Amino acid sequence: MKYLNTSSEEGFILVGFSDWPHLEPIFFAFISIFYSLTLFGNTVIIILSQLDLRLHTPMYYFLSHLSFLDLCYTASTVPQLLANLSGLDRTISFGRCVAQLFIMLSLGGIECVLLVAMAIDRYAAVCRPLHYTTIMHSTLVSAGHWLCSPGWEAL
């Protein structure tokens, strides 16, 4: 018998791995372990890049922001997945589903912009090494100012 995700008046009923319910505890444990490792690893990257003064460079600034985005991205999806795998509540309201979709798409778009900025940083470091400190001045990188700075036109 084939089960499909359906909707009700309260929201969506997520069936998940209904064909293999005996594997759900294994998936729950496996995903929980990797979720906690992701949280720990990204938190360590953020803390170390803030504590070590040698890492106060544009590339580590971008890496710490990428780690923060990864924390937000996984925190917006994995808890719902774990709740569904635990079998306690397999529903998600329409509003929560839309909010989760909006958050995931927004964070994905922000991550794309951040990866472009990281690519420009590496381009400036490799192709214009003598101009790198001018192009990637700390004011360009602080508080998101690097997105709208006219300094990028020099590339």
N, C-alpha and C. Protein backbone atom coordinates (compact mmCIF):
# COMPACT_ATOMS: atom_id res chain seq x y z
N MET A 1 0.84 -1.18 0.00
CA MET A 1 0.00 0.00 0.00
C MET A 1 0.89 1.24 0.00
N LYS A 2 0.67 2.13 -0.89
CA LYS A 2 1.48 3.34 -1.05
C LYS A 2 0.83 4.48 -0.27
N TYR A 3 1.63 5.11 0.61
CA TYR A 3 1.15 6.25 1.40
C TYR A 3 1.65 7.53 0.77
N LEU A 4 0.84 8.55 0.80
CA LEU A 4 1.20 9.85 0.26
C LEU A 4 1.03 10.90 1.33
N ASN A 5 1.84 11.97 1.24
CA ASN A 5 1.62 13.10 2.12
C ASN A 5 0.27 13.71 1.78
N THR A 6 -0.52 13.98 2.77
CA THR A 6 -1.85 14.53 2.54
C THR A 6 -2.00 15.81 3.34
N SER A 7 -3.09 16.49 3.10
CA SER A 7 -3.37 17.70 3.86
C SER A 7 -4.67 17.52 4.62
N SER A 8 -4.77 18.24 5.71
CA SER A 8 -6.00 18.24 6.50
C SER A 8 -6.35 19.69 6.79
N GLU A 9 -7.36 19.89 7.62
CA GLU A 9 -7.74 21.26 7.95
C GLU A 9 -6.68 21.95 8.78
N GLU A 10 -5.93 21.19 9.56
CA GLU A 10 -4.90 21.79 10.41
C GLU A 10 -3.60 22.04 9.66
N GLY A 11 -3.34 21.34 8.59
CA GLY A 11 -2.09 21.50 7.86
C GLY A 11 -1.78 20.24 7.08
N PHE A 12 -0.50 19.96 6.95
CA PHE A 12 -0.05 18.78 6.21
C PHE A 12 0.25 17.64 7.17
N ILE A 13 -0.09 16.43 6.76
CA ILE A 13 0.30 15.23 7.51
C ILE A 13 1.47 14.62 6.76
N LEU A 14 2.62 14.61 7.38
CA LEU A 14 3.83 14.10 6.75
C LEU A 14 3.98 12.62 7.09
N VAL A 15 4.00 11.80 6.08
CA VAL A 15 4.05 10.36 6.29
C VAL A 15 5.48 9.90 6.55
N GLY A 16 6.45 10.49 5.88
CA GLY A 16 7.84 10.13 6.10
C GLY A 16 8.19 8.77 5.54
N PHE A 17 8.81 7.94 6.36
CA PHE A 17 9.25 6.61 5.94
C PHE A 17 8.22 5.57 6.36
N SER A 18 6.99 5.73 5.91
CA SER A 18 5.92 4.86 6.36
C SER A 18 6.08 3.44 5.87
N ASP A 19 6.81 3.23 4.77
CA ASP A 19 7.03 1.87 4.29
C ASP A 19 8.04 1.12 5.16
N TRP A 20 8.90 1.85 5.86
CA TRP A 20 9.92 1.24 6.71
C TRP A 20 9.90 1.87 8.11
N PRO A 21 8.84 1.67 8.87
CA PRO A 21 8.77 2.31 10.19
C PRO A 21 9.82 1.78 11.17
N HIS A 22 10.33 0.58 10.94
CA HIS A 22 11.35 0.04 11.84
C HIS A 22 12.70 0.75 11.66
N LEU A 23 12.89 1.49 10.56
CA LEU A 23 14.14 2.22 10.34
C LEU A 23 14.12 3.65 10.90
N GLU A 24 12.94 4.12 11.29
CA GLU A 24 12.84 5.49 11.77
C GLU A 24 13.69 5.76 13.01
N PRO A 25 13.78 4.86 14.00
CA PRO A 25 14.68 5.14 15.14
C PRO A 25 16.15 5.22 14.73
N ILE A 26 16.53 4.42 13.75
CA ILE A 26 17.92 4.47 13.26
C ILE A 26 18.18 5.80 12.56
N PHE A 27 17.25 6.23 11.71
CA PHE A 27 17.38 7.52 11.03
C PHE A 27 17.39 8.65 12.06
N PHE A 28 16.53 8.55 13.08
CA PHE A 28 16.47 9.58 14.12
C PHE A 28 17.83 9.71 14.82
N ALA A 29 18.42 8.59 15.20
CA ALA A 29 19.72 8.61 15.88
C ALA A 29 20.81 9.15 14.96
N PHE A 30 20.82 8.68 13.73
CA PHE A 30 21.83 9.09 12.75
C PHE A 30 21.76 10.60 12.48
N ILE A 31 20.57 11.11 12.25
CA ILE A 31 20.39 12.54 11.97
C ILE A 31 20.66 13.37 13.22
N SER A 32 20.29 12.88 14.39
CA SER A 32 20.56 13.61 15.64
C SER A 32 22.05 13.76 15.87
N ILE A 33 22.81 12.71 15.62
CA ILE A 33 24.26 12.77 15.80
C ILE A 33 24.87 13.79 14.85
N PHE A 34 24.51 13.72 13.58
CA PHE A 34 25.09 14.65 12.62
C PHE A 34 24.59 16.08 12.81
N TYR A 35 23.38 16.24 13.31
CA TYR A 35 22.87 17.58 13.62
C TYR A 35 23.67 18.19 14.76
N SER A 36 23.92 17.42 15.80
CA SER A 36 24.70 17.94 16.92
C SER A 36 26.14 18.22 16.50
N LEU A 37 26.72 17.39 15.63
CA LEU A 37 28.07 17.66 15.12
C LEU A 37 28.10 18.93 14.28
N THR A 38 27.06 19.15 13.49
CA THR A 38 26.98 20.38 12.69
C THR A 38 26.89 21.61 13.59
N LEU A 39 26.04 21.54 14.60
CA LEU A 39 25.92 22.66 15.54
C LEU A 39 27.24 22.92 16.24
N PHE A 40 27.89 21.87 16.71
CA PHE A 40 29.16 22.01 17.43
C PHE A 40 30.25 22.56 16.51
N GLY A 41 30.39 21.99 15.32
CA GLY A 41 31.45 22.40 14.40
C GLY A 41 31.32 23.84 13.96
N ASN A 42 30.12 24.26 13.60
CA ASN A 42 29.92 25.63 13.16
C ASN A 42 30.08 26.62 14.30
N THR A 43 29.66 26.24 15.49
CA THR A 43 29.85 27.11 16.65
C THR A 43 31.33 27.27 16.96
N VAL A 44 32.10 26.20 16.86
CA VAL A 44 33.54 26.26 17.09
C VAL A 44 34.22 27.17 16.06
N ILE A 45 33.82 27.07 14.80
CA ILE A 45 34.39 27.93 13.77
C ILE A 45 34.11 29.39 14.07
N ILE A 46 32.90 29.70 14.48
CA ILE A 46 32.54 31.09 14.79
C ILE A 46 33.34 31.60 15.98
N ILE A 47 33.41 30.80 17.03
CA ILE A 47 34.12 31.22 18.25
C ILE A 47 35.61 31.39 17.99
N LEU A 48 36.22 30.43 17.30
CA LEU A 48 37.66 30.53 17.03
C LEU A 48 37.99 31.71 16.13
N SER A 49 37.17 31.97 15.15
CA SER A 49 37.47 33.10 14.26
C SER A 49 37.28 34.43 14.97
N GLN A 50 36.50 34.46 16.04
CA GLN A 50 36.35 35.69 16.81
C GLN A 50 37.44 35.85 17.86
N LEU A 51 37.92 34.74 18.42
CA LEU A 51 38.90 34.82 19.50
C LEU A 51 40.33 35.03 19.01
N ASP A 52 40.71 34.43 17.92
CA ASP A 52 42.08 34.51 17.42
C ASP A 52 42.24 35.75 16.55
N LEU A 53 43.10 36.65 16.98
CA LEU A 53 43.28 37.90 16.26
C LEU A 53 43.91 37.70 14.88
N ARG A 54 44.65 36.62 14.69
CA ARG A 54 45.25 36.36 13.38
C ARG A 54 44.19 35.98 12.35
N LEU A 55 43.02 35.60 12.80
CA LEU A 55 41.95 35.21 11.90
C LEU A 55 40.98 36.36 11.60
N HIS A 56 41.33 37.58 11.97
CA HIS A 56 40.48 38.72 11.68
C HIS A 56 40.82 39.26 10.29
N THR A 57 40.61 38.41 9.31
CA THR A 57 40.83 38.77 7.91
C THR A 57 39.50 38.58 7.18
N PRO A 58 39.37 39.18 5.99
CA PRO A 58 38.09 39.06 5.28
C PRO A 58 37.65 37.62 5.04
N MET A 59 38.58 36.72 4.70
CA MET A 59 38.17 35.35 4.39
C MET A 59 37.59 34.66 5.62
N TYR A 60 38.17 34.86 6.78
CA TYR A 60 37.63 34.24 7.99
C TYR A 60 36.36 34.94 8.45
N TYR A 61 36.24 36.21 8.13
CA TYR A 61 34.98 36.91 8.38
C TYR A 61 33.86 36.24 7.58
N PHE A 62 34.14 35.99 6.30
CA PHE A 62 33.15 35.34 5.46
C PHE A 62 32.87 33.91 5.93
N LEU A 63 33.91 33.19 6.34
CA LEU A 63 33.72 31.81 6.82
C LEU A 63 32.87 31.76 8.09
N SER A 64 33.08 32.72 8.98
CA SER A 64 32.25 32.72 10.19
C SER A 64 30.79 33.05 9.85
N HIS A 65 30.58 33.93 8.88
CA HIS A 65 29.20 34.21 8.46
C HIS A 65 28.59 33.01 7.73
N LEU A 66 29.39 32.30 6.97
CA LEU A 66 28.90 31.09 6.31
C LEU A 66 28.53 30.03 7.35
N SER A 67 29.31 29.93 8.41
CA SER A 67 28.99 28.99 9.48
C SER A 67 27.70 29.39 10.19
N PHE A 68 27.51 30.69 10.40
CA PHE A 68 26.27 31.16 11.01
C PHE A 68 25.07 30.85 10.13
N LEU A 69 25.21 31.05 8.82
CA LEU A 69 24.12 30.72 7.90
C LEU A 69 23.82 29.23 7.92
N ASP A 70 24.88 28.41 8.01
CA ASP A 70 24.67 26.97 8.09
C ASP A 70 23.95 26.58 9.37
N LEU A 71 24.28 27.24 10.46
CA LEU A 71 23.55 27.01 11.72
C LEU A 71 22.07 27.34 11.56
N CYS A 72 21.80 28.49 10.98
CA CYS A 72 20.40 28.89 10.79
C CYS A 72 19.67 27.96 9.83
N TYR A 73 20.35 27.58 8.77
CA TYR A 73 19.73 26.72 7.75
C TYR A 73 19.36 25.36 8.33
N THR A 74 20.28 24.75 9.06
CA THR A 74 19.98 23.44 9.63
C THR A 74 18.96 23.54 10.77
N ALA A 75 19.03 24.65 11.53
CA ALA A 75 18.08 24.82 12.63
C ALA A 75 16.66 25.08 12.12
N SER A 76 16.52 25.48 10.86
CA SER A 76 15.18 25.72 10.33
C SER A 76 14.53 24.47 9.75
N THR A 77 15.30 23.41 9.54
CA THR A 77 14.73 22.22 8.92
C THR A 77 14.83 20.96 9.78
N VAL A 78 15.98 20.74 10.40
CA VAL A 78 16.22 19.46 11.07
C VAL A 78 15.30 19.21 12.27
N PRO A 79 15.00 20.21 13.12
CA PRO A 79 14.09 19.91 14.24
C PRO A 79 12.73 19.37 13.79
N GLN A 80 12.18 19.90 12.70
CA GLN A 80 10.91 19.38 12.19
C GLN A 80 11.07 17.95 11.70
N LEU A 81 12.19 17.68 11.04
CA LEU A 81 12.46 16.31 10.59
C LEU A 81 12.57 15.35 11.76
N LEU A 82 13.27 15.76 12.81
CA LEU A 82 13.40 14.91 14.00
C LEU A 82 12.06 14.70 14.69
N ALA A 83 11.24 15.73 14.72
CA ALA A 83 9.90 15.59 15.31
C ALA A 83 9.07 14.60 14.51
N ASN A 84 9.20 14.64 13.19
CA ASN A 84 8.45 13.69 12.35
C ASN A 84 8.97 12.28 12.51
N LEU A 85 10.28 12.12 12.64
CA LEU A 85 10.86 10.78 12.80
C LEU A 85 10.56 10.19 14.17
N SER A 86 10.36 11.04 15.17
CA SER A 86 10.07 10.51 16.50
C SER A 86 8.67 9.92 16.57
N GLY A 87 7.81 10.30 15.63
CA GLY A 87 6.48 9.72 15.57
C GLY A 87 5.47 10.37 16.48
N LEU A 88 5.87 11.39 17.23
CA LEU A 88 4.94 12.03 18.15
C LEU A 88 3.93 12.90 17.42
N ASP A 89 4.42 13.70 16.51
CA ASP A 89 3.53 14.60 15.77
C ASP A 89 4.00 14.64 14.33
N ARG A 90 3.18 14.18 13.43
CA ARG A 90 3.55 14.13 12.02
C ARG A 90 2.82 15.18 11.19
N THR A 91 2.40 16.25 11.85
CA THR A 91 1.70 17.31 11.11
C THR A 91 2.52 18.59 11.14
N ILE A 92 2.28 19.41 10.16
CA ILE A 92 2.86 20.75 10.12
C ILE A 92 1.77 21.67 9.58
N SER A 93 1.57 22.79 10.25
CA SER A 93 0.52 23.71 9.83
C SER A 93 0.93 24.40 8.54
N PHE A 94 -0.08 24.95 7.85
CA PHE A 94 0.20 25.66 6.60
C PHE A 94 1.14 26.84 6.84
N GLY A 95 0.88 27.58 7.89
CA GLY A 95 1.71 28.74 8.20
C GLY A 95 3.14 28.36 8.52
N ARG A 96 3.29 27.28 9.28
CA ARG A 96 4.64 26.82 9.62
C ARG A 96 5.38 26.31 8.38
N CYS A 97 4.66 25.67 7.51
CA CYS A 97 5.26 25.17 6.27
C CYS A 97 5.71 26.32 5.39
N VAL A 98 4.87 27.34 5.27
CA VAL A 98 5.23 28.51 4.48
C VAL A 98 6.40 29.25 5.11
N ALA A 99 6.39 29.38 6.44
CA ALA A 99 7.49 30.06 7.13
C ALA A 99 8.80 29.30 6.94
N GLN A 100 8.74 27.98 7.05
CA GLN A 100 9.94 27.17 6.86
C GLN A 100 10.46 27.29 5.43
N LEU A 101 9.57 27.28 4.47
CA LEU A 101 9.97 27.45 3.07
C LEU A 101 10.57 28.83 2.83
N PHE A 102 9.95 29.87 3.38
CA PHE A 102 10.48 31.22 3.22
C PHE A 102 11.86 31.35 3.85
N ILE A 103 12.04 30.81 5.05
CA ILE A 103 13.33 30.89 5.73
C ILE A 103 14.39 30.13 4.95
N MET A 104 14.05 28.94 4.48
CA MET A 104 15.03 28.15 3.72
C MET A 104 15.44 28.86 2.43
N LEU A 105 14.47 29.41 1.69
CA LEU A 105 14.78 30.10 0.44
C LEU A 105 15.56 31.38 0.69
N SER A 106 15.21 32.11 1.74
CA SER A 106 15.94 33.33 2.07
C SER A 106 17.38 33.03 2.46
N LEU A 107 17.57 32.04 3.31
CA LEU A 107 18.93 31.68 3.72
C LEU A 107 19.74 31.14 2.56
N GLY A 108 19.09 30.40 1.67
CA GLY A 108 19.79 29.91 0.48
C GLY A 108 20.23 31.04 -0.42
N GLY A 109 19.38 32.06 -0.59
CA GLY A 109 19.76 33.22 -1.39
C GLY A 109 20.89 34.01 -0.75
N ILE A 110 20.81 34.19 0.56
CA ILE A 110 21.88 34.90 1.27
C ILE A 110 23.19 34.13 1.16
N GLU A 111 23.11 32.81 1.24
CA GLU A 111 24.32 32.00 1.12
C GLU A 111 24.94 32.15 -0.27
N CYS A 112 24.12 32.23 -1.29
CA CYS A 112 24.64 32.43 -2.66
C CYS A 112 25.37 33.76 -2.76
N VAL A 113 24.79 34.82 -2.20
CA VAL A 113 25.44 36.13 -2.22
C VAL A 113 26.75 36.09 -1.45
N LEU A 114 26.75 35.42 -0.32
CA LEU A 114 27.97 35.30 0.48
C LEU A 114 29.05 34.52 -0.26
N LEU A 115 28.67 33.47 -0.95
CA LEU A 115 29.65 32.71 -1.73
C LEU A 115 30.22 33.54 -2.87
N VAL A 116 29.42 34.40 -3.47
CA VAL A 116 29.93 35.31 -4.51
C VAL A 116 30.94 36.28 -3.89
N ALA A 117 30.62 36.81 -2.71
CA ALA A 117 31.56 37.71 -2.04
C ALA A 117 32.85 36.99 -1.69
N MET A 118 32.76 35.73 -1.28
CA MET A 118 33.97 34.95 -0.99
C MET A 118 34.78 34.71 -2.25
N ALA A 119 34.11 34.49 -3.37
CA ALA A 119 34.82 34.30 -4.63
C ALA A 119 35.52 35.59 -5.06
N ILE A 120 34.87 36.73 -4.86
CA ILE A 120 35.50 38.00 -5.18
C ILE A 120 36.71 38.23 -4.28
N ASP A 121 36.59 37.87 -3.02
CA ASP A 121 37.71 37.98 -2.09
C ASP A 121 38.90 37.15 -2.57
N ARG A 122 38.65 35.92 -2.98
CA ARG A 122 39.75 35.08 -3.46
C ARG A 122 40.31 35.59 -4.79
N TYR A 123 39.44 36.12 -5.64
CA TYR A 123 39.89 36.70 -6.90
C TYR A 123 40.84 37.87 -6.63
N ALA A 124 40.44 38.74 -5.70
CA ALA A 124 41.27 39.89 -5.36
C ALA A 124 42.60 39.44 -4.75
N ALA A 125 42.57 38.40 -3.94
CA ALA A 125 43.79 37.93 -3.29
C ALA A 125 44.76 37.29 -4.29
N VAL A 126 44.24 36.59 -5.29
CA VAL A 126 45.09 35.89 -6.23
C VAL A 126 45.48 36.77 -7.42
N CYS A 127 44.51 37.45 -8.00
CA CYS A 127 44.76 38.20 -9.24
C CYS A 127 45.25 39.62 -9.00
N ARG A 128 44.96 40.19 -7.87
CA ARG A 128 45.39 41.56 -7.56
C ARG A 128 45.97 41.61 -6.15
N PRO A 129 47.06 40.88 -5.92
CA PRO A 129 47.58 40.78 -4.55
C PRO A 129 48.08 42.11 -3.99
N LEU A 130 48.59 43.00 -4.83
CA LEU A 130 49.08 44.29 -4.33
C LEU A 130 47.94 45.24 -3.98
N HIS A 131 46.79 45.04 -4.57
CA HIS A 131 45.63 45.89 -4.31
C HIS A 131 44.67 45.25 -3.29
N TYR A 132 45.01 44.04 -2.82
CA TYR A 132 44.08 43.29 -1.98
C TYR A 132 43.68 44.06 -0.73
N THR A 133 44.65 44.65 -0.05
CA THR A 133 44.31 45.34 1.20
C THR A 133 43.46 46.58 0.94
N THR A 134 43.63 47.19 -0.21
CA THR A 134 42.79 48.34 -0.55
C THR A 134 41.37 47.88 -0.90
N ILE A 135 41.28 46.82 -1.70
CA ILE A 135 39.98 46.33 -2.14
C ILE A 135 39.19 45.75 -0.96
N MET A 136 39.86 44.97 -0.15
CA MET A 136 39.18 44.29 0.97
C MET A 136 39.44 45.01 2.29
N HIS A 137 39.41 46.32 2.27
CA HIS A 137 39.60 47.10 3.49
C HIS A 137 38.54 46.70 4.51
N SER A 138 38.89 46.80 5.77
CA SER A 138 37.98 46.33 6.82
C SER A 138 36.63 47.04 6.80
N THR A 139 36.58 48.27 6.30
CA THR A 139 35.28 48.95 6.24
C THR A 139 34.36 48.32 5.21
N LEU A 140 34.96 47.66 4.18
CA LEU A 140 34.13 46.99 3.18
C LEU A 140 33.49 45.73 3.75
N VAL A 141 34.14 45.16 4.77
CA VAL A 141 33.67 43.89 5.27
C VAL A 141 32.81 44.03 6.52
N SER A 142 32.86 45.16 7.17
CA SER A 142 32.13 45.30 8.43
C SER A 142 30.66 45.61 8.18
N ALA A 143 29.82 44.99 8.92
CA ALA A 143 28.37 45.24 8.97
C ALA A 143 27.68 45.12 7.62
N GLY A 144 28.15 44.24 6.78
CA GLY A 144 27.50 44.01 5.50
C GLY A 144 27.70 45.12 4.49
N HIS A 145 28.58 46.06 4.79
CA HIS A 145 28.83 47.18 3.89
C HIS A 145 29.47 46.73 2.59
N TRP A 146 30.07 45.56 2.61
CA TRP A 146 30.75 45.04 1.42
C TRP A 146 29.78 44.76 0.28
N LEU A 147 28.50 44.62 0.56
CA LEU A 147 27.54 44.36 -0.49
C LEU A 147 27.29 45.56 -1.41
N CYS A 148 27.33 46.75 -0.84
CA CYS A 148 26.95 47.92 -1.64
C CYS A 148 28.09 48.90 -1.80
N SER A 149 29.31 48.47 -1.54
CA SER A 149 30.45 49.38 -1.61
C SER A 149 30.89 49.62 -3.05
N PRO A 150 31.25 50.85 -3.37
CA PRO A 150 31.76 51.12 -4.72
C PRO A 150 33.17 50.57 -4.91
N GLY A 151 33.81 50.07 -3.89
CA GLY A 151 35.15 49.51 -4.01
C GLY A 151 35.19 48.28 -4.90
N TRP A 152 34.06 47.60 -5.11
CA TRP A 152 34.03 46.40 -5.96
C TRP A 152 34.20 46.76 -7.43
N GLU A 153 33.90 48.02 -7.78
CA GLU A 153 34.02 48.42 -9.18
C GLU A 153 35.46 48.44 -9.64
N ALA A 154 36.40 48.49 -8.69
CA ALA A 154 37.82 48.50 -9.03
C ALA A 154 38.27 47.16 -9.59
N LEU A 155 37.49 46.12 -9.35
CA LEU A 155 37.86 44.80 -9.87
C LEU A 155 37.61 44.76 -11.36
